[in-house]
């Protein structure tokens, strides 16, 4: 089940809201139980029996948290941390990477059977989320939770379950037991959900159609113009697809009294790759910063050790996204760029004109998304070669004009939607006068309703449209 589906919009969400809000607010435990039951059903709808893996992950993190509590002995605390890390990451490793490792071993000349394993949707997200809870308990940054239903709700909460954002336990621990659902929170949350849904249906899906058709062709025969259009289309698709899910997750959280942190902050206006990663998938980059980079020594290390720390983070970031050499190369691409900005051309870049800074950043990001989207290394090599003009170009060059003109409104909207126009409007209207506040208040809600109707019409006439990050 996905947020951008009729079954979710017309059945799941209305049923949950009706049952949830019929129960008086003072029966917090019952409301939590309803929310947990619907969350597990939400996951079961897409994963089937693999929901048992989710339950096992909850059990691992619950027991790991109990053992890792500061009230235990040091030995027992470490045992709890290692139990959660080894068991949780072990499950992630088996389901996501066993086949990849077996292929590498076979390529080295050792014949081993390649397991065919169904990848549970969202396993990387709920594994990292649960593990962050145990680590925070071990460090003393979060209190241990002795109620297993609270841990289960934290891990399985359906808005951010399968595609993030990765929510820290400290962000929602008070809200799990003492949140206050209000109309003032519900309405903006519903509007945020509608805007996210429209972003997915109108922008991500249209850009995805272009990207899928172009990337589906033989890369070595693409004209350079068509290859660039495909790369730009995917650049827009992955941003609007993933940020749309985050918008909907955050909006749904507000509808049930939870306040998740932002996961995107207009990354395509960045003037450096370093800035880009402060704005893109914020919950993942901060996870690696807090639980990998800083424990390794972070910026406190000098010379090669600092480089080692950055390398480890970006190797793991690439590997986290998938069991494919293209993802590892994608991580290494950003490692090289970040190292260059830190030690080589960073000062020159900061002194360059803003337009040049932005152009450099977007060129680096577009190339990265080609690596990310390619089926394998050979496909990535051929596609990047086509972008550079190394191509036999047997495909019709008229396709480039077709994809521009046929989707011209979507291209224009995509460029505009990457800009922080909402922030500009809020800073000029919201803060200065009451009339501007009223205009912004009502226009945003009217726009949300119109976008909901437009998204619904797209859903009725469209087909299944899963989110890209479900595979991670």
Protein backbone atom coordinates (compact mmCIF):
# COMPACT_ATOMS: atom_id res chain seq x y z
CA UNK A 1 0.00 0.00 0.00
CA UNK A 2 1.30 3.42 -0.90
CA UNK A 3 0.09 6.88 0.07
CA UNK A 4 -0.59 7.68 -3.59
CA UNK A 5 -3.20 4.95 -4.05
CA UNK A 6 -6.98 4.93 -3.95
CA UNK A 7 -7.05 2.12 -1.39
CA UNK A 8 -5.05 4.28 1.01
CA UNK A 9 -6.92 7.54 0.36
CA UNK A 10 -10.45 6.12 0.27
CA UNK A 11 -10.26 3.18 2.68
CA UNK A 12 -7.22 2.94 4.94
CA UNK A 13 -6.79 6.57 6.01
CA UNK A 14 -10.51 7.43 6.48
CA UNK A 15 -11.06 4.21 8.46
CA UNK A 16 -8.07 4.89 10.71
CA UNK A 17 -9.06 8.52 11.30
CA UNK A 18 -12.65 7.56 12.12
CA UNK A 19 -11.71 4.82 14.60
CA UNK A 20 -8.82 6.77 16.08
CA UNK A 21 -10.78 9.95 16.79
CA UNK A 22 -13.91 8.19 18.01
CA UNK A 23 -11.81 7.04 20.97
CA UNK A 24 -11.59 9.81 23.60
CA UNK A 25 -8.17 11.42 23.93
CA UNK A 26 -7.80 10.33 27.55
CA UNK A 27 -7.62 6.70 26.39
CA UNK A 28 -4.14 7.24 25.00
CA UNK A 29 -3.18 3.59 25.27
CA UNK A 30 -6.14 2.49 23.15
CA UNK A 31 -5.42 5.13 20.52
CA UNK A 32 -1.81 3.92 20.38
CA UNK A 33 -2.96 0.33 20.03
CA UNK A 34 -5.24 1.26 17.11
CA UNK A 35 -2.41 3.19 15.46
CA UNK A 36 0.00 0.28 15.93
CA UNK A 37 -2.52 -2.25 14.56
CA UNK A 38 -3.16 -0.16 11.45
CA UNK A 39 0.59 0.39 11.00
CA UNK A 40 1.31 -3.34 11.06
CA UNK A 41 -1.57 -3.94 8.64
CA UNK A 42 -0.18 -1.19 6.39
CA UNK A 43 3.13 -3.03 6.24
CA UNK A 44 1.45 -6.43 5.84
CA UNK A 45 -0.46 -5.13 2.82
CA UNK A 46 2.78 -4.58 0.91
CA UNK A 47 5.09 -7.14 2.51
CA UNK A 48 2.80 -10.05 3.41
CA UNK A 49 4.34 -12.56 5.78
CA UNK A 50 7.50 -10.44 5.95
CA UNK A 51 5.64 -8.40 8.54
CA UNK A 52 7.01 -11.05 10.90
CA UNK A 53 10.46 -9.68 10.15
CA UNK A 54 9.22 -6.29 11.29
CA UNK A 55 7.93 -7.84 14.52
CA UNK A 56 11.28 -9.58 15.01
CA UNK A 57 13.09 -6.27 14.50
CA UNK A 58 10.87 -4.67 17.15
CA UNK A 59 11.65 -7.51 19.57
CA UNK A 60 15.40 -7.21 18.94
CA UNK A 61 15.43 -3.49 19.62
CA UNK A 62 13.16 -3.78 22.65
CA UNK A 63 15.38 -6.42 24.29
CA UNK A 64 18.53 -4.60 23.17
CA UNK A 65 17.25 -1.39 24.75
CA UNK A 66 16.46 -3.11 28.05
CA UNK A 67 19.92 -4.63 28.23
CA UNK A 68 21.70 -1.46 27.05
CA UNK A 69 20.12 0.70 29.74
CA UNK A 70 22.53 2.66 31.93
CA UNK A 71 20.96 0.94 34.94
CA UNK A 72 22.64 -2.29 33.88
CA UNK A 73 26.26 -3.25 34.35
CA UNK A 74 28.76 -2.12 31.69
CA UNK A 75 29.14 -5.66 30.42
CA UNK A 76 25.38 -6.14 30.12
CA UNK A 77 24.94 -2.74 28.46
CA UNK A 78 27.54 -3.57 25.84
CA UNK A 79 25.94 -6.98 25.36
CA UNK A 80 22.60 -5.28 24.68
CA UNK A 81 24.15 -2.89 22.19
CA UNK A 82 26.02 -5.62 20.36
CA UNK A 83 22.97 -7.89 20.38
CA UNK A 84 20.83 -5.21 18.71
CA UNK A 85 23.58 -4.23 16.25
CA UNK A 86 24.57 -7.75 15.22
CA UNK A 87 21.02 -9.11 15.06
CA UNK A 88 19.50 -6.08 13.35
CA UNK A 89 22.31 -5.49 10.88
CA UNK A 90 22.60 -9.25 10.38
CA UNK A 91 19.00 -9.43 9.20
CA UNK A 92 19.57 -6.41 6.97
CA UNK A 93 22.73 -7.99 5.59
CA UNK A 94 21.06 -11.32 4.81
CA UNK A 95 17.93 -9.98 3.15
CA UNK A 96 19.60 -7.13 1.26
CA UNK A 97 23.20 -8.17 0.57
CA UNK A 98 23.49 -11.99 0.65
CA UNK A 99 22.84 -12.32 -3.09
CA UNK A 100 25.28 -9.51 -3.90
CA UNK A 101 28.05 -11.06 -1.80
CA UNK A 102 27.42 -14.47 -3.39
CA UNK A 103 27.77 -12.93 -6.86
CA UNK A 104 31.10 -11.34 -5.88
CA UNK A 105 32.37 -14.66 -4.54
CA UNK A 106 31.36 -16.36 -7.80
CA UNK A 107 33.11 -13.67 -9.82
CA UNK A 108 36.27 -14.45 -7.85
CA UNK A 109 36.08 -18.05 -9.05
CA UNK A 110 34.52 -19.72 -6.01
CA UNK A 111 31.25 -21.38 -6.92
CA UNK A 112 28.59 -20.81 -4.27
CA UNK A 113 24.82 -20.87 -4.65
CA UNK A 114 23.22 -17.45 -5.10
CA UNK A 115 20.22 -17.11 -2.76
CA UNK A 116 17.06 -15.61 -4.22
CA UNK A 117 15.67 -13.55 -1.37
CA UNK A 118 12.67 -11.22 -1.39
CA UNK A 119 13.77 -7.80 -0.16
CA UNK A 120 11.40 -6.53 2.56
CA UNK A 121 10.27 -3.02 1.73
CA UNK A 122 11.77 -0.32 3.90
CA UNK A 123 14.09 -2.69 5.77
CA UNK A 124 16.98 -0.20 5.72
CA UNK A 125 14.79 2.50 7.22
CA UNK A 126 13.26 0.58 10.12
CA UNK A 127 16.57 -1.18 10.87
CA UNK A 128 18.43 2.13 11.23
CA UNK A 129 15.56 3.67 13.18
CA UNK A 130 15.41 0.85 15.70
CA UNK A 131 19.18 0.70 16.07
CA UNK A 132 19.37 4.45 16.77
CA UNK A 133 17.03 3.89 19.75
CA UNK A 134 19.30 1.23 21.28
CA UNK A 135 22.43 3.33 20.71
CA UNK A 136 20.82 6.39 22.32
CA UNK A 137 19.76 4.29 25.32
CA UNK A 138 23.30 2.88 25.63
CA UNK A 139 24.81 6.38 25.50
CA UNK A 140 22.33 7.72 28.01
CA UNK A 141 20.84 10.12 25.46
CA UNK A 142 17.40 8.50 25.73
CA UNK A 143 15.59 6.73 28.57
CA UNK A 144 14.94 3.04 28.20
CA UNK A 145 11.36 2.22 27.23
CA UNK A 146 9.97 -0.72 29.20
CA UNK A 147 6.58 -0.78 27.47
CA UNK A 148 7.01 -3.02 24.37
CA UNK A 149 3.99 -1.44 22.67
CA UNK A 150 5.67 1.97 22.76
CA UNK A 151 8.82 0.58 21.13
CA UNK A 152 6.66 -1.20 18.57
CA UNK A 153 4.76 1.99 17.74
CA UNK A 154 8.02 3.92 17.41
CA UNK A 155 9.50 1.42 14.94
CA UNK A 156 6.33 0.56 13.01
CA UNK A 157 4.52 3.92 12.85
CA UNK A 158 3.15 3.82 9.30
CA UNK A 159 3.77 7.39 8.02
CA UNK A 160 7.56 7.03 8.03
CA UNK A 161 7.79 3.23 8.12
CA UNK A 162 8.94 2.26 4.62
CA UNK A 163 10.63 5.37 3.18
CA UNK A 164 11.52 7.66 6.06
CA UNK A 165 12.34 10.10 7.34
CA UNK A 166 14.43 8.16 9.86
CA UNK A 167 12.93 9.40 13.13
CA UNK A 168 14.95 9.47 16.36
CA UNK A 169 13.29 8.09 19.46
CA UNK A 170 14.10 11.30 21.35
CA UNK A 171 12.04 13.23 18.77
CA UNK A 172 8.80 11.35 19.45
CA UNK A 173 9.20 9.66 22.84
CA UNK A 174 7.08 12.25 24.67
CA UNK A 175 4.48 12.32 21.91
CA UNK A 176 3.99 8.55 22.00
CA UNK A 177 2.55 8.76 25.49
CA UNK A 178 1.57 12.43 25.97
CA UNK A 179 0.82 13.97 22.57
CA UNK A 180 -2.11 16.34 22.08
CA UNK A 181 -3.96 16.11 18.76
CA UNK A 182 -5.47 19.47 17.82
CA UNK A 183 -7.32 20.93 14.85
CA UNK A 184 -4.56 23.56 14.59
CA UNK A 185 -2.09 20.72 13.92
CA UNK A 186 -4.42 18.49 11.91
CA UNK A 187 -5.36 21.00 9.19
CA UNK A 188 -1.79 22.07 8.27
CA UNK A 189 -0.84 18.39 8.35
CA UNK A 190 -3.62 17.52 5.92
CA UNK A 191 -2.57 20.41 3.65
CA UNK A 192 1.06 19.22 3.76
CA UNK A 193 -0.13 15.76 2.78
CA UNK A 194 -2.11 17.12 -0.18
CA UNK A 195 0.84 19.15 -1.44
CA UNK A 196 3.08 16.08 -1.15
CA UNK A 197 0.54 13.92 -2.98
CA UNK A 198 0.35 16.45 -5.83
CA UNK A 199 4.14 16.65 -5.98
CA UNK A 200 4.23 12.87 -6.44
CA UNK A 201 1.35 12.55 -8.92
CA UNK A 202 1.98 15.61 -11.09
CA UNK A 203 5.74 16.13 -11.02
CA UNK A 204 7.49 12.93 -9.94
CA UNK A 205 5.38 10.63 -12.09
CA UNK A 206 5.63 12.75 -15.24
CA UNK A 207 9.39 13.17 -14.85
CA UNK A 208 9.60 9.44 -14.09
CA UNK A 209 7.82 8.62 -17.34
CA UNK A 210 10.45 10.56 -19.29
CA UNK A 211 13.35 9.07 -17.34
CA UNK A 212 12.09 5.49 -17.63
CA UNK A 213 11.59 5.74 -21.38
CA UNK A 214 15.02 7.28 -22.02
CA UNK A 215 16.99 5.13 -19.57
CA UNK A 216 15.20 2.11 -21.02
CA UNK A 217 16.78 2.69 -24.43
CA UNK A 218 20.23 1.44 -25.42
CA UNK A 219 22.47 4.03 -23.78
CA UNK A 220 25.24 3.83 -26.37
CA UNK A 221 22.84 4.94 -29.13
CA UNK A 222 21.40 8.00 -27.36
CA UNK A 223 22.06 11.47 -28.80
CA UNK A 224 23.71 13.73 -26.19
CA UNK A 225 20.64 15.99 -25.97
CA UNK A 226 18.35 13.04 -25.23
CA UNK A 227 20.77 11.61 -22.66
CA UNK A 228 20.86 14.95 -20.83
CA UNK A 229 17.06 15.22 -20.88
CA UNK A 230 16.80 11.74 -19.34
CA UNK A 231 19.35 12.64 -16.67
CA UNK A 232 17.57 15.90 -15.82
CA UNK A 233 14.21 14.14 -15.74
CA UNK A 234 15.52 11.61 -13.24
CA UNK A 235 17.13 14.41 -11.23
CA UNK A 236 13.68 15.93 -10.83
CA UNK A 237 11.94 12.59 -10.38
CA UNK A 238 14.02 11.35 -7.46
CA UNK A 239 13.76 14.68 -5.65
CA UNK A 240 10.01 15.11 -6.07
CA UNK A 241 9.32 11.42 -5.45
CA UNK A 242 11.31 11.19 -2.22
CA UNK A 243 10.52 14.66 -0.87
CA UNK A 244 6.84 14.06 -1.67
CA UNK A 245 6.87 10.96 0.53
CA UNK A 246 8.57 12.93 3.30
CA UNK A 247 5.97 15.70 2.95
CA UNK A 248 3.14 13.19 3.22
CA UNK A 249 4.80 11.41 6.15
CA UNK A 250 5.30 14.68 8.03
CA UNK A 251 1.74 15.75 7.22
CA UNK A 252 0.29 12.46 8.43
CA UNK A 253 2.39 12.74 11.57
CA UNK A 254 0.80 16.12 12.34
CA UNK A 255 -2.66 14.61 11.78
CA UNK A 256 -1.97 12.13 14.58
CA UNK A 257 -0.09 14.49 16.90
CA UNK A 258 3.51 13.66 15.91
CA UNK A 259 6.06 16.23 14.78
CA UNK A 260 8.72 14.69 12.58
CA UNK A 261 11.78 16.72 11.61
CA UNK A 262 12.20 17.98 8.06
CA UNK A 263 14.00 15.68 5.64
CA UNK A 264 14.60 18.08 2.71
CA UNK A 265 15.42 21.77 2.50
CA UNK A 266 15.43 22.71 -1.19
CA UNK A 267 18.68 20.85 -1.99
CA UNK A 268 18.82 21.97 -5.63
CA UNK A 269 19.59 25.57 -4.66
CA UNK A 270 22.88 24.44 -3.05
CA UNK A 271 26.17 26.09 -3.99
CA UNK A 272 28.38 23.17 -3.03
CA UNK A 273 28.12 19.42 -2.62
CA UNK A 274 28.73 19.92 1.10
CA UNK A 275 25.69 22.19 1.29
CA UNK A 276 23.69 19.76 -0.85
CA UNK A 277 24.13 17.03 1.74
CA UNK A 278 23.00 19.36 4.50
CA UNK A 279 19.75 19.78 2.58
CA UNK A 280 19.18 16.32 1.04
CA UNK A 281 17.85 13.32 3.03
CA UNK A 282 18.74 15.10 6.24
CA UNK A 283 17.67 12.24 8.51
CA UNK A 284 20.07 9.77 6.83
CA UNK A 285 23.06 12.12 6.66
CA UNK A 286 22.65 13.08 10.34
CA UNK A 287 22.28 9.37 11.23
CA UNK A 288 25.65 8.55 9.66
CA UNK A 289 27.16 11.69 11.20
CA UNK A 290 26.02 10.88 14.74
CA UNK A 291 26.43 7.09 14.74
CA UNK A 292 29.39 6.51 12.40
CA UNK A 293 31.40 9.65 11.61
CA UNK A 294 31.62 11.18 15.09
CA UNK A 295 32.32 7.84 16.89
CA UNK A 296 35.17 7.24 14.42
CA UNK A 297 36.67 10.57 15.47
CA UNK A 298 34.93 12.94 13.05
CA UNK A 299 36.75 16.22 12.46
CA UNK A 300 38.86 15.76 15.58
CA UNK A 301 41.16 13.44 13.66
CA UNK A 302 43.92 14.83 11.49
CA UNK A 303 45.25 13.84 8.10
CA UNK A 304 44.52 10.39 6.75
CA UNK A 305 42.27 9.39 9.68
CA UNK A 306 39.83 12.16 8.84
CA UNK A 307 39.88 11.01 5.22
CA UNK A 308 39.29 7.46 6.42
CA UNK A 309 36.26 8.56 8.43
CA UNK A 310 34.72 10.33 5.44
CA UNK A 311 35.47 7.32 3.22
CA UNK A 312 33.78 4.89 5.61
CA UNK A 313 30.67 7.10 5.84
CA UNK A 314 30.28 7.42 2.08
CA UNK A 315 31.05 3.79 1.35
CA UNK A 316 28.34 2.81 3.83
CA UNK A 317 25.97 5.48 2.50
CA UNK A 318 26.31 4.07 -1.00
CA UNK A 319 25.94 0.49 0.22
CA UNK A 320 22.90 1.44 2.33
CA UNK A 321 21.04 2.42 -0.83
CA UNK A 322 21.42 -0.95 -2.50
CA UNK A 323 23.37 -4.11 -3.24
CA UNK A 324 24.89 -2.94 -6.51
CA UNK A 325 28.27 -1.58 -7.56
CA UNK A 326 26.51 1.47 -8.99
CA UNK A 327 25.44 2.55 -5.51
CA UNK A 328 28.94 2.04 -4.13
CA UNK A 329 30.36 4.09 -7.00
CA UNK A 330 27.70 6.73 -6.29
CA UNK A 331 28.91 6.93 -2.69
CA UNK A 332 32.54 7.12 -3.81
CA UNK A 333 31.68 9.93 -6.24
CA UNK A 334 30.39 12.03 -3.38
CA UNK A 335 33.37 11.04 -1.23
CA UNK A 336 35.75 12.41 -3.87
CA UNK A 337 33.75 15.61 -4.29
CA UNK A 338 33.54 16.25 -0.55
CA UNK A 339 37.25 15.56 -0.13
CA UNK A 340 37.97 17.98 -2.94
CA UNK A 341 35.86 20.69 -1.34
CA UNK A 342 37.50 20.18 2.04
CA UNK A 343 41.13 19.99 0.95
CA UNK A 344 41.55 21.18 -2.65
CA UNK A 345 39.11 23.54 -4.35
CA UNK A 346 36.84 24.54 -1.46
CA UNK A 347 38.34 28.02 -0.96
CA UNK A 348 38.31 28.72 -4.69
CA UNK A 349 34.70 27.57 -4.93
CA UNK A 350 33.55 29.81 -2.07
CA UNK A 351 35.12 32.82 -3.81
CA UNK A 352 33.59 32.02 -7.21
CA UNK A 353 30.41 33.73 -8.50
CA UNK A 354 27.19 32.25 -7.13
CA UNK A 355 26.06 31.10 -10.58
CA UNK A 356 29.28 29.15 -11.07
CA UNK A 357 28.97 27.57 -7.63
CA UNK A 358 25.44 26.47 -8.37
CA UNK A 359 26.34 25.18 -11.84
CA UNK A 360 29.20 23.10 -10.48
CA UNK A 361 26.99 21.60 -7.76
CA UNK A 362 24.13 20.69 -10.07
CA UNK A 363 26.48 19.16 -12.64
CA UNK A 364 27.97 16.97 -9.90
CA UNK A 365 24.50 16.00 -8.66
CA UNK A 366 23.11 15.19 -12.12
CA UNK A 367 26.09 12.92 -12.81
CA UNK A 368 25.53 11.24 -9.45
CA UNK A 369 21.92 10.47 -10.30
CA UNK A 370 22.99 8.78 -13.54
CA UNK A 371 25.13 6.43 -11.45
CA UNK A 372 22.21 5.97 -9.07
CA UNK A 373 19.69 5.19 -11.84
CA UNK A 374 21.86 2.97 -14.04
CA UNK A 375 21.19 -0.76 -14.00
CA UNK A 376 24.88 -1.65 -13.72
CA UNK A 377 28.33 -0.16 -14.21
CA UNK A 378 28.31 -0.87 -17.93
CA UNK A 379 25.02 0.98 -18.33
CA UNK A 380 26.33 3.91 -16.27
CA UNK A 381 29.49 4.08 -18.40
CA UNK A 382 27.53 4.04 -21.66
CA UNK A 383 25.00 6.59 -20.47
CA UNK A 384 27.62 9.04 -19.21
CA UNK A 385 29.48 8.53 -22.48
CA UNK A 386 26.33 9.48 -24.40
CA UNK A 387 26.04 12.66 -22.33
CA UNK A 388 29.62 13.51 -23.32
CA UNK A 389 28.96 12.79 -26.99
CA UNK A 390 30.63 9.35 -27.07
CA UNK A 391 27.74 7.63 -28.82
CA UNK A 392 26.67 6.04 -32.10
CA UNK A 393 23.45 8.11 -31.84
CA UNK A 394 21.13 5.82 -33.78
CA UNK A 395 18.15 6.94 -31.70
CA UNK A 396 15.96 9.63 -33.22
CA UNK A 397 17.15 13.07 -32.14
CA UNK A 398 13.60 14.38 -32.54
CA UNK A 399 12.74 12.64 -29.28
CA UNK A 400 14.51 15.42 -27.39
CA UNK A 401 12.14 18.06 -28.77
CA UNK A 402 9.18 15.77 -28.15
CA UNK A 403 10.00 15.27 -24.45
CA UNK A 404 10.47 19.01 -23.96
CA UNK A 405 7.29 20.15 -25.73
CA UNK A 406 5.03 17.29 -24.63
CA UNK A 407 5.89 17.86 -20.96
CA UNK A 408 6.62 21.59 -21.08
CA UNK A 409 4.19 22.54 -18.23
CA UNK A 410 5.70 19.84 -16.01
CA UNK A 411 9.25 20.98 -16.79
CA UNK A 412 8.38 24.57 -15.87
CA UNK A 413 6.62 23.50 -12.66
CA UNK A 414 9.56 21.26 -11.75
CA UNK A 415 12.07 24.10 -12.08
CA UNK A 416 9.85 26.44 -10.05
CA UNK A 417 9.08 23.86 -7.35
CA UNK A 418 12.81 23.41 -6.66
CA UNK A 419 13.00 27.03 -5.47
CA UNK A 420 12.13 28.09 -1.89
CA UNK A 421 9.25 30.26 -3.12
CA UNK A 422 7.10 29.25 -0.15
CA UNK A 423 9.72 30.61 2.26
CA UNK A 424 10.01 33.85 0.28
CA UNK A 425 6.25 34.34 0.31
CA UNK A 426 5.97 33.56 4.01
CA UNK A 427 8.76 35.96 4.92
CA UNK A 428 7.17 38.78 2.91
CA UNK A 429 3.47 38.22 3.67
CA UNK A 430 3.22 36.19 6.86
CA UNK A 431 5.35 38.41 9.07
CA UNK A 432 4.52 41.89 7.78
CA UNK A 433 0.75 42.32 8.05
CA UNK A 434 -2.45 40.57 9.07
CA UNK A 435 -3.94 40.82 5.59
CA UNK A 436 -1.01 38.92 4.17
CA UNK A 437 -1.39 36.30 6.88
CA UNK A 438 -5.06 35.77 6.01
CA UNK A 439 -4.32 35.60 2.29
CA UNK A 440 -1.60 33.03 2.82
CA UNK A 441 -3.74 31.07 5.29
CA UNK A 442 -6.74 30.64 3.01
CA UNK A 443 -4.93 30.35 -0.32
CA UNK A 444 -2.78 27.50 0.98
CA UNK A 445 -5.85 25.57 2.08
CA UNK A 446 -7.77 26.24 -1.13
CA UNK A 447 -4.69 25.21 -3.13
CA UNK A 448 -4.42 22.00 -1.09
CA UNK A 449 -8.03 21.07 -1.91
CA UNK A 450 -7.57 21.82 -5.61
CA UNK A 451 -4.36 19.79 -5.71
CA UNK A 452 -6.11 16.91 -3.92
CA UNK A 453 -8.83 16.85 -6.58
CA UNK A 454 -6.24 17.03 -9.35
CA UNK A 455 -4.23 14.21 -7.75
CA UNK A 456 -7.38 12.14 -7.41
CA UNK A 457 -8.13 12.52 -11.11
CA UNK A 458 -4.58 11.41 -11.88
CA UNK A 459 -5.01 8.40 -9.62
CA UNK A 460 -8.27 7.35 -11.26
CA UNK A 461 -6.78 7.44 -14.75
CA UNK A 462 -3.25 6.34 -13.83
CA UNK A 463 -1.57 3.10 -12.84
CA UNK A 464 0.42 1.80 -9.87
CA UNK A 465 3.09 4.34 -8.90
CA UNK A 466 5.38 3.14 -6.10
CA UNK A 467 7.93 5.43 -4.50
CA UNK A 468 11.58 5.01 -5.51
CA UNK A 469 12.84 4.68 -1.94
CA UNK A 470 10.56 1.73 -1.16
CA UNK A 471 13.32 -0.51 -2.52
CA UNK A 472 15.72 0.65 0.18
